[in-house]
């Protein structure tokens, strides 16, 4: 509540309450897609002893590349291209559009479609890596080491 008061009265940023439903829908899709990334990282930790390194690297990469604190255009071109493979990029862009009225370079239909496609790909890829690493861990007997 305090943050909302500061944002509205000090920074003069007003939210479009009408965009709340679509923002929440986009947030749900984005978080569901990130489960695939979480499953992938969980799978990689089975076979690697330094599991926290992977988790921290992925977390840092997603945090830096996702345009939360700054626009995507500020990033170097190669990072902009990597950002297009993260659901958080599209989620943040769409939520900003719905709540703040920010102009989009993509249509909102394209954003929803890309996140939906990423949902399928990330979950599938995450499960595949997890199953491969699970078999590896069972075969090598490394699961008991954790």
N, C-alpha and C. Protein backbone atom coordinates (compact mmCIF):
# COMPACT_ATOMS: atom_id res chain seq x y z
N UNK A 1 0.82 -1.19 0.00
CA UNK A 1 0.00 0.00 0.00
C UNK A 1 0.87 1.26 0.00
N UNK A 2 1.92 1.23 0.80
CA UNK A 2 2.81 2.39 0.86
C UNK A 2 3.48 2.62 -0.49
N UNK A 3 3.89 1.51 -1.14
CA UNK A 3 4.52 1.64 -2.45
C UNK A 3 3.56 2.26 -3.46
N UNK A 4 2.30 1.85 -3.42
CA UNK A 4 1.31 2.40 -4.35
C UNK A 4 1.13 3.89 -4.13
N UNK A 5 1.10 4.32 -2.89
CA UNK A 5 0.95 5.74 -2.58
C UNK A 5 2.16 6.52 -3.09
N UNK A 6 3.35 5.99 -2.87
CA UNK A 6 4.57 6.66 -3.33
C UNK A 6 4.57 6.76 -4.85
N UNK A 7 4.24 5.66 -5.53
CA UNK A 7 4.24 5.66 -6.99
C UNK A 7 3.25 6.67 -7.55
N UNK A 8 2.06 6.72 -6.98
CA UNK A 8 1.02 7.60 -7.51
C UNK A 8 1.28 9.06 -7.16
N UNK A 9 1.58 9.34 -5.90
CA UNK A 9 1.67 10.73 -5.47
C UNK A 9 3.04 11.38 -5.68
N UNK A 10 4.09 10.61 -5.57
CA UNK A 10 5.42 11.21 -5.73
C UNK A 10 5.89 11.12 -7.19
N UNK A 11 5.75 9.93 -7.80
CA UNK A 11 6.24 9.76 -9.16
C UNK A 11 5.18 10.06 -10.22
N UNK A 12 3.95 10.26 -9.80
CA UNK A 12 2.84 10.60 -10.71
C UNK A 12 2.64 9.53 -11.79
N UNK A 13 2.73 8.28 -11.39
CA UNK A 13 2.49 7.16 -12.30
C UNK A 13 1.12 6.58 -11.95
N UNK A 14 0.24 6.54 -12.92
CA UNK A 14 -1.11 6.06 -12.69
C UNK A 14 -1.33 4.74 -13.42
N UNK A 15 -2.02 3.84 -12.76
CA UNK A 15 -2.27 2.51 -13.31
C UNK A 15 -3.65 2.44 -13.93
N UNK A 16 -3.75 1.67 -14.99
CA UNK A 16 -5.03 1.41 -15.64
C UNK A 16 -5.62 0.16 -15.01
N UNK A 17 -6.59 0.34 -14.14
CA UNK A 17 -7.20 -0.79 -13.44
C UNK A 17 -7.93 -1.72 -14.40
N UNK A 18 -8.34 -1.21 -15.55
CA UNK A 18 -9.02 -2.03 -16.55
C UNK A 18 -8.12 -3.09 -17.16
N UNK A 19 -6.83 -2.89 -17.08
CA UNK A 19 -5.89 -3.86 -17.63
C UNK A 19 -5.47 -4.94 -16.66
N UNK A 20 -6.07 -4.94 -15.47
CA UNK A 20 -5.68 -5.88 -14.43
C UNK A 20 -5.94 -7.34 -14.82
N UNK A 21 -7.09 -7.63 -15.42
CA UNK A 21 -7.42 -9.01 -15.78
C UNK A 21 -6.41 -9.57 -16.77
N UNK A 22 -6.13 -8.83 -17.84
CA UNK A 22 -5.19 -9.33 -18.84
C UNK A 22 -3.76 -9.38 -18.30
N UNK A 23 -3.43 -8.47 -17.39
CA UNK A 23 -2.12 -8.51 -16.75
C UNK A 23 -1.96 -9.77 -15.91
N UNK A 24 -2.99 -10.11 -15.17
CA UNK A 24 -2.94 -11.32 -14.35
C UNK A 24 -2.90 -12.58 -15.21
N UNK A 25 -3.62 -12.56 -16.31
CA UNK A 25 -3.60 -13.69 -17.25
C UNK A 25 -2.20 -13.86 -17.84
N UNK A 26 -1.60 -12.76 -18.22
CA UNK A 26 -0.24 -12.79 -18.77
C UNK A 26 0.76 -13.24 -17.70
N UNK A 27 0.58 -12.78 -16.49
CA UNK A 27 1.45 -13.19 -15.38
C UNK A 27 1.33 -14.69 -15.13
N UNK A 28 0.13 -15.22 -15.18
CA UNK A 28 -0.08 -16.65 -15.00
C UNK A 28 0.63 -17.45 -16.09
N UNK A 29 0.52 -17.02 -17.33
CA UNK A 29 1.21 -17.70 -18.43
C UNK A 29 2.73 -17.62 -18.26
N UNK A 30 3.21 -16.44 -17.88
CA UNK A 30 4.65 -16.24 -17.72
C UNK A 30 5.19 -17.13 -16.60
N UNK A 31 4.52 -17.17 -15.47
CA UNK A 31 4.98 -17.98 -14.35
C UNK A 31 4.91 -19.47 -14.69
N UNK A 32 3.86 -19.87 -15.40
CA UNK A 32 3.75 -21.27 -15.82
C UNK A 32 4.90 -21.65 -16.73
N UNK A 33 5.28 -20.75 -17.61
CA UNK A 33 6.40 -21.01 -18.51
C UNK A 33 7.71 -21.10 -17.73
N UNK A 34 7.85 -20.29 -16.70
CA UNK A 34 9.08 -20.33 -15.90
C UNK A 34 9.21 -21.64 -15.12
N UNK A 35 8.11 -22.35 -14.91
CA UNK A 35 8.21 -23.67 -14.30
C UNK A 35 9.08 -24.58 -15.15
N UNK A 36 8.98 -24.46 -16.46
CA UNK A 36 9.82 -25.26 -17.35
C UNK A 36 11.29 -24.97 -17.13
N UNK A 37 11.62 -23.70 -16.95
CA UNK A 37 13.01 -23.33 -16.67
C UNK A 37 13.44 -23.88 -15.31
N UNK A 38 12.55 -23.84 -14.34
CA UNK A 38 12.85 -24.40 -13.03
C UNK A 38 13.08 -25.90 -13.07
N UNK A 39 12.27 -26.59 -13.86
CA UNK A 39 12.43 -28.04 -14.01
C UNK A 39 13.77 -28.35 -14.68
N UNK A 40 14.13 -27.54 -15.67
CA UNK A 40 15.41 -27.71 -16.36
C UNK A 40 16.57 -27.53 -15.39
N UNK A 41 16.54 -26.49 -14.59
CA UNK A 41 17.60 -26.24 -13.61
C UNK A 41 17.64 -27.36 -12.58
N UNK A 42 16.47 -27.83 -12.15
CA UNK A 42 16.42 -28.94 -11.19
C UNK A 42 17.06 -30.19 -11.78
N UNK A 43 16.81 -30.43 -13.06
CA UNK A 43 17.42 -31.59 -13.71
C UNK A 43 18.93 -31.47 -13.79
N UNK A 44 19.41 -30.28 -14.11
CA UNK A 44 20.86 -30.09 -14.20
C UNK A 44 21.54 -30.24 -12.85
N UNK A 45 20.84 -29.91 -11.79
CA UNK A 45 21.46 -30.03 -10.47
C UNK A 45 21.66 -31.48 -10.06
N UNK A 46 20.92 -32.39 -10.67
CA UNK A 46 21.10 -33.81 -10.34
C UNK A 46 22.49 -34.29 -10.72
N UNK A 47 22.95 -33.88 -11.88
CA UNK A 47 24.23 -34.37 -12.37
C UNK A 47 25.42 -33.51 -12.03
N UNK A 48 25.20 -32.34 -11.50
CA UNK A 48 26.31 -31.43 -11.22
C UNK A 48 26.43 -31.20 -9.72
N UNK A 49 27.63 -31.22 -9.23
CA UNK A 49 27.84 -31.08 -7.79
C UNK A 49 27.64 -29.64 -7.32
N UNK A 50 27.99 -28.70 -8.12
CA UNK A 50 27.86 -27.28 -7.76
C UNK A 50 26.54 -26.74 -8.28
N UNK A 51 25.43 -27.24 -7.78
CA UNK A 51 24.11 -26.89 -8.28
C UNK A 51 23.78 -25.42 -8.11
N UNK A 52 24.27 -24.81 -7.07
CA UNK A 52 23.93 -23.41 -6.80
C UNK A 52 24.49 -22.48 -7.87
N UNK A 53 25.57 -22.88 -8.52
CA UNK A 53 26.16 -22.05 -9.58
C UNK A 53 25.17 -21.92 -10.74
N UNK A 54 24.55 -23.02 -11.11
CA UNK A 54 23.58 -23.00 -12.21
C UNK A 54 22.39 -22.13 -11.84
N UNK A 55 21.88 -22.34 -10.66
CA UNK A 55 20.72 -21.58 -10.21
C UNK A 55 21.01 -20.08 -10.19
N UNK A 56 22.15 -19.71 -9.66
CA UNK A 56 22.52 -18.29 -9.59
C UNK A 56 22.76 -17.71 -10.98
N UNK A 57 23.39 -18.48 -11.85
CA UNK A 57 23.67 -18.00 -13.21
C UNK A 57 22.37 -17.75 -13.98
N UNK A 58 21.45 -18.70 -13.89
CA UNK A 58 20.17 -18.54 -14.59
C UNK A 58 19.38 -17.38 -14.01
N UNK A 59 19.35 -17.29 -12.70
CA UNK A 59 18.63 -16.20 -12.04
C UNK A 59 19.21 -14.84 -12.43
N UNK A 60 20.52 -14.73 -12.42
CA UNK A 60 21.17 -13.47 -12.79
C UNK A 60 20.90 -13.13 -14.25
N UNK A 61 21.01 -14.11 -15.12
CA UNK A 61 20.77 -13.88 -16.54
C UNK A 61 19.35 -13.39 -16.79
N UNK A 62 18.38 -14.06 -16.19
CA UNK A 62 16.98 -13.66 -16.38
C UNK A 62 16.74 -12.27 -15.82
N UNK A 63 17.31 -11.97 -14.67
CA UNK A 63 17.12 -10.66 -14.05
C UNK A 63 17.74 -9.54 -14.89
N UNK A 64 18.92 -9.77 -15.43
CA UNK A 64 19.59 -8.73 -16.20
C UNK A 64 18.94 -8.53 -17.56
N UNK A 65 18.57 -9.62 -18.21
CA UNK A 65 18.07 -9.52 -19.58
C UNK A 65 16.60 -9.09 -19.65
N UNK A 66 15.81 -9.45 -18.66
CA UNK A 66 14.40 -9.08 -18.67
C UNK A 66 14.25 -7.57 -18.48
N UNK A 67 13.46 -6.92 -19.31
CA UNK A 67 13.33 -5.46 -19.22
C UNK A 67 12.40 -5.01 -18.09
N UNK A 68 12.81 -5.27 -16.86
CA UNK A 68 12.01 -4.86 -15.71
C UNK A 68 12.35 -3.43 -15.32
N UNK A 69 13.61 -3.15 -15.12
CA UNK A 69 14.03 -1.83 -14.64
C UNK A 69 14.35 -0.86 -15.77
N UNK A 70 14.46 -1.35 -16.98
CA UNK A 70 14.82 -0.51 -18.11
C UNK A 70 14.25 -1.13 -19.38
N UNK A 71 14.13 -0.35 -20.44
CA UNK A 71 13.58 -0.89 -21.69
C UNK A 71 14.55 -1.86 -22.36
N UNK A 72 14.00 -2.73 -23.15
CA UNK A 72 14.79 -3.73 -23.87
C UNK A 72 15.78 -3.09 -24.83
N UNK A 73 15.45 -1.94 -25.38
CA UNK A 73 16.29 -1.27 -26.37
C UNK A 73 17.64 -0.83 -25.81
N UNK A 74 17.77 -0.73 -24.50
CA UNK A 74 19.03 -0.31 -23.88
C UNK A 74 20.08 -1.42 -23.92
N UNK A 75 19.63 -2.66 -23.92
CA UNK A 75 20.56 -3.79 -23.93
C UNK A 75 21.33 -3.87 -25.24
N UNK A 76 22.54 -4.42 -25.20
CA UNK A 76 23.26 -4.67 -26.46
C UNK A 76 22.44 -5.62 -27.34
N UNK A 77 22.67 -5.56 -28.62
CA UNK A 77 21.87 -6.31 -29.59
C UNK A 77 21.86 -7.81 -29.31
N UNK A 78 23.00 -8.40 -28.96
CA UNK A 78 23.03 -9.84 -28.72
C UNK A 78 22.21 -10.21 -27.49
N UNK A 79 22.17 -9.35 -26.47
CA UNK A 79 21.34 -9.63 -25.29
C UNK A 79 19.86 -9.43 -25.60
N UNK A 80 19.55 -8.49 -26.49
CA UNK A 80 18.16 -8.32 -26.92
C UNK A 80 17.65 -9.58 -27.60
N UNK A 81 18.52 -10.20 -28.40
CA UNK A 81 18.12 -11.43 -29.09
C UNK A 81 17.93 -12.57 -28.10
N UNK A 82 18.78 -12.65 -27.09
CA UNK A 82 18.62 -13.69 -26.06
C UNK A 82 17.34 -13.44 -25.27
N UNK A 83 17.04 -12.18 -25.00
CA UNK A 83 15.84 -11.84 -24.23
C UNK A 83 14.56 -12.30 -24.92
N UNK A 84 14.60 -12.41 -26.23
CA UNK A 84 13.40 -12.84 -26.96
C UNK A 84 13.05 -14.31 -26.72
N UNK A 85 13.96 -15.06 -26.09
CA UNK A 85 13.69 -16.45 -25.76
C UNK A 85 13.21 -16.63 -24.32
N UNK A 86 13.07 -15.53 -23.61
CA UNK A 86 12.61 -15.59 -22.22
C UNK A 86 11.16 -15.12 -22.11
N UNK A 87 10.33 -15.88 -21.44
CA UNK A 87 8.93 -15.47 -21.29
C UNK A 87 8.78 -14.20 -20.45
N UNK A 88 9.74 -13.95 -19.59
CA UNK A 88 9.66 -12.77 -18.74
C UNK A 88 9.72 -11.48 -19.56
N UNK A 89 10.42 -11.52 -20.67
CA UNK A 89 10.50 -10.34 -21.54
C UNK A 89 9.11 -9.97 -22.05
N UNK A 90 8.41 -10.95 -22.59
CA UNK A 90 7.08 -10.69 -23.14
C UNK A 90 6.07 -10.41 -22.03
N UNK A 91 6.22 -11.09 -20.91
CA UNK A 91 5.32 -10.86 -19.80
C UNK A 91 5.41 -9.44 -19.27
N UNK A 92 6.64 -8.97 -19.06
CA UNK A 92 6.84 -7.61 -18.55
C UNK A 92 6.36 -6.58 -19.57
N UNK A 93 6.67 -6.81 -20.84
CA UNK A 93 6.22 -5.86 -21.87
C UNK A 93 4.69 -5.78 -21.90
N UNK A 94 4.03 -6.93 -21.85
CA UNK A 94 2.57 -6.95 -21.89
C UNK A 94 1.94 -6.33 -20.66
N UNK A 95 2.49 -6.64 -19.50
CA UNK A 95 1.94 -6.09 -18.25
C UNK A 95 2.13 -4.58 -18.22
N UNK A 96 3.27 -4.11 -18.67
CA UNK A 96 3.47 -2.65 -18.75
C UNK A 96 2.46 -2.01 -19.69
N UNK A 97 2.18 -2.70 -20.78
CA UNK A 97 1.19 -2.18 -21.73
C UNK A 97 -0.19 -2.08 -21.09
N UNK A 98 -0.61 -3.15 -20.43
CA UNK A 98 -1.95 -3.17 -19.84
C UNK A 98 -2.10 -2.23 -18.65
N UNK A 99 -1.09 -2.14 -17.82
CA UNK A 99 -1.22 -1.33 -16.60
C UNK A 99 -0.76 0.11 -16.75
N UNK A 100 0.23 0.34 -17.60
CA UNK A 100 0.79 1.68 -17.73
C UNK A 100 0.52 2.33 -19.08
N UNK A 101 0.00 1.54 -20.02
CA UNK A 101 -0.27 2.08 -21.35
C UNK A 101 0.97 2.24 -22.20
N UNK A 102 2.02 1.49 -21.87
CA UNK A 102 3.27 1.58 -22.62
C UNK A 102 3.08 1.07 -24.05
N UNK A 103 3.68 1.75 -24.99
CA UNK A 103 3.57 1.37 -26.40
C UNK A 103 4.37 0.08 -26.65
N UNK A 104 3.78 -0.81 -27.42
CA UNK A 104 4.42 -2.09 -27.75
C UNK A 104 4.90 -2.10 -29.19
N UNK A 105 6.03 -2.75 -29.41
CA UNK A 105 6.50 -2.93 -30.78
C UNK A 105 5.85 -4.16 -31.41
N UNK A 106 5.31 -5.04 -30.57
CA UNK A 106 4.59 -6.24 -31.03
C UNK A 106 3.12 -6.08 -30.67
N UNK A 107 2.27 -6.80 -31.38
CA UNK A 107 0.86 -6.78 -31.00
C UNK A 107 0.68 -7.62 -29.73
N UNK A 108 -0.36 -7.34 -29.00
CA UNK A 108 -0.61 -8.08 -27.77
C UNK A 108 -0.95 -9.54 -28.07
N UNK A 109 -1.54 -9.79 -29.24
CA UNK A 109 -1.82 -11.17 -29.65
C UNK A 109 -0.52 -11.93 -29.86
N UNK A 110 0.47 -11.27 -30.44
CA UNK A 110 1.77 -11.89 -30.66
C UNK A 110 2.44 -12.22 -29.33
N UNK A 111 2.31 -11.33 -28.37
CA UNK A 111 2.90 -11.56 -27.05
C UNK A 111 2.27 -12.78 -26.39
N UNK A 112 0.94 -12.85 -26.39
CA UNK A 112 0.27 -14.01 -25.80
C UNK A 112 0.64 -15.29 -26.54
N UNK A 113 0.69 -15.22 -27.87
CA UNK A 113 1.03 -16.40 -28.66
C UNK A 113 2.45 -16.88 -28.37
N UNK A 114 3.40 -15.95 -28.30
CA UNK A 114 4.79 -16.34 -28.04
C UNK A 114 4.95 -16.95 -26.65
N UNK A 115 4.27 -16.38 -25.67
CA UNK A 115 4.37 -16.96 -24.32
C UNK A 115 3.72 -18.35 -24.30
N UNK A 116 2.61 -18.52 -25.00
CA UNK A 116 1.95 -19.83 -25.04
C UNK A 116 2.86 -20.86 -25.72
N UNK A 117 3.52 -20.47 -26.80
CA UNK A 117 4.45 -21.38 -27.47
C UNK A 117 5.63 -21.69 -26.56
N UNK A 118 6.15 -20.67 -25.89
CA UNK A 118 7.26 -20.88 -24.96
C UNK A 118 6.85 -21.80 -23.82
N UNK A 119 5.61 -21.70 -23.38
CA UNK A 119 5.12 -22.57 -22.32
C UNK A 119 5.29 -24.03 -22.72
N UNK A 120 4.88 -24.36 -23.92
CA UNK A 120 4.98 -25.74 -24.40
C UNK A 120 6.45 -26.14 -24.54
N UNK A 121 7.25 -25.28 -25.17
CA UNK A 121 8.66 -25.61 -25.42
C UNK A 121 9.45 -25.72 -24.12
N UNK A 122 9.32 -24.74 -23.23
CA UNK A 122 10.10 -24.75 -21.99
C UNK A 122 9.72 -25.92 -21.09
N UNK A 123 8.43 -26.20 -20.97
CA UNK A 123 8.01 -27.34 -20.13
C UNK A 123 8.54 -28.64 -20.74
N UNK A 124 8.38 -28.81 -22.04
CA UNK A 124 8.85 -30.02 -22.71
C UNK A 124 10.36 -30.16 -22.56
N UNK A 125 11.10 -29.10 -22.87
CA UNK A 125 12.55 -29.13 -22.79
C UNK A 125 13.01 -29.37 -21.35
N UNK A 126 12.39 -28.69 -20.40
CA UNK A 126 12.73 -28.88 -18.99
C UNK A 126 12.50 -30.30 -18.53
N UNK A 127 11.36 -30.88 -18.92
CA UNK A 127 11.08 -32.27 -18.54
C UNK A 127 12.06 -33.24 -19.20
N UNK A 128 12.40 -32.99 -20.45
CA UNK A 128 13.35 -33.87 -21.14
C UNK A 128 14.71 -33.85 -20.44
N UNK A 129 15.22 -32.67 -20.14
CA UNK A 129 16.52 -32.56 -19.46
C UNK A 129 16.44 -33.21 -18.08
N UNK A 130 15.34 -32.97 -17.38
CA UNK A 130 15.18 -33.55 -16.04
C UNK A 130 15.19 -35.08 -16.12
N UNK A 131 14.44 -35.64 -17.06
CA UNK A 131 14.39 -37.10 -17.18
C UNK A 131 15.74 -37.69 -17.57
N UNK A 132 16.44 -37.02 -18.47
CA UNK A 132 17.77 -37.49 -18.87
C UNK A 132 18.72 -37.46 -17.67
N UNK A 133 18.71 -36.36 -16.94
CA UNK A 133 19.61 -36.24 -15.79
C UNK A 133 19.19 -37.17 -14.65
N UNK A 134 17.89 -37.43 -14.53
CA UNK A 134 17.42 -38.36 -13.50
C UNK A 134 17.93 -39.77 -13.81
N UNK A 135 17.84 -40.18 -15.06
CA UNK A 135 18.37 -41.49 -15.45
C UNK A 135 19.87 -41.56 -15.20
N UNK A 136 20.56 -40.49 -15.56
CA UNK A 136 22.01 -40.42 -15.33
C UNK A 136 22.32 -40.54 -13.83
N UNK A 137 21.58 -39.81 -13.02
CA UNK A 137 21.81 -39.83 -11.58
C UNK A 137 21.54 -41.19 -10.97
N UNK A 138 20.50 -41.85 -11.44
CA UNK A 138 20.18 -43.19 -10.92
C UNK A 138 21.24 -44.20 -11.37
N UNK A 139 21.69 -44.06 -12.61
CA UNK A 139 22.68 -44.99 -13.15
C UNK A 139 24.03 -44.84 -12.43
N UNK A 140 24.43 -43.61 -12.18
CA UNK A 140 25.72 -43.35 -11.52
C UNK A 140 25.62 -43.42 -9.99
N UNK A 141 24.41 -43.39 -9.48
CA UNK A 141 24.23 -43.46 -8.03
C UNK A 141 24.55 -42.16 -7.32
N UNK A 142 24.40 -41.04 -8.01
CA UNK A 142 24.76 -39.76 -7.40
C UNK A 142 23.60 -39.13 -6.63
N UNK A 143 22.41 -39.68 -6.74
CA UNK A 143 21.27 -39.08 -6.05
C UNK A 143 21.42 -39.16 -4.53
N UNK A 144 22.10 -40.17 -4.06
CA UNK A 144 22.27 -40.32 -2.61
C UNK A 144 23.30 -39.35 -2.04
N UNK A 145 24.03 -38.65 -2.90
CA UNK A 145 25.04 -37.71 -2.43
C UNK A 145 24.46 -36.37 -2.03
N UNK A 146 23.22 -36.12 -2.37
CA UNK A 146 22.62 -34.80 -2.11
C UNK A 146 21.70 -34.84 -0.93
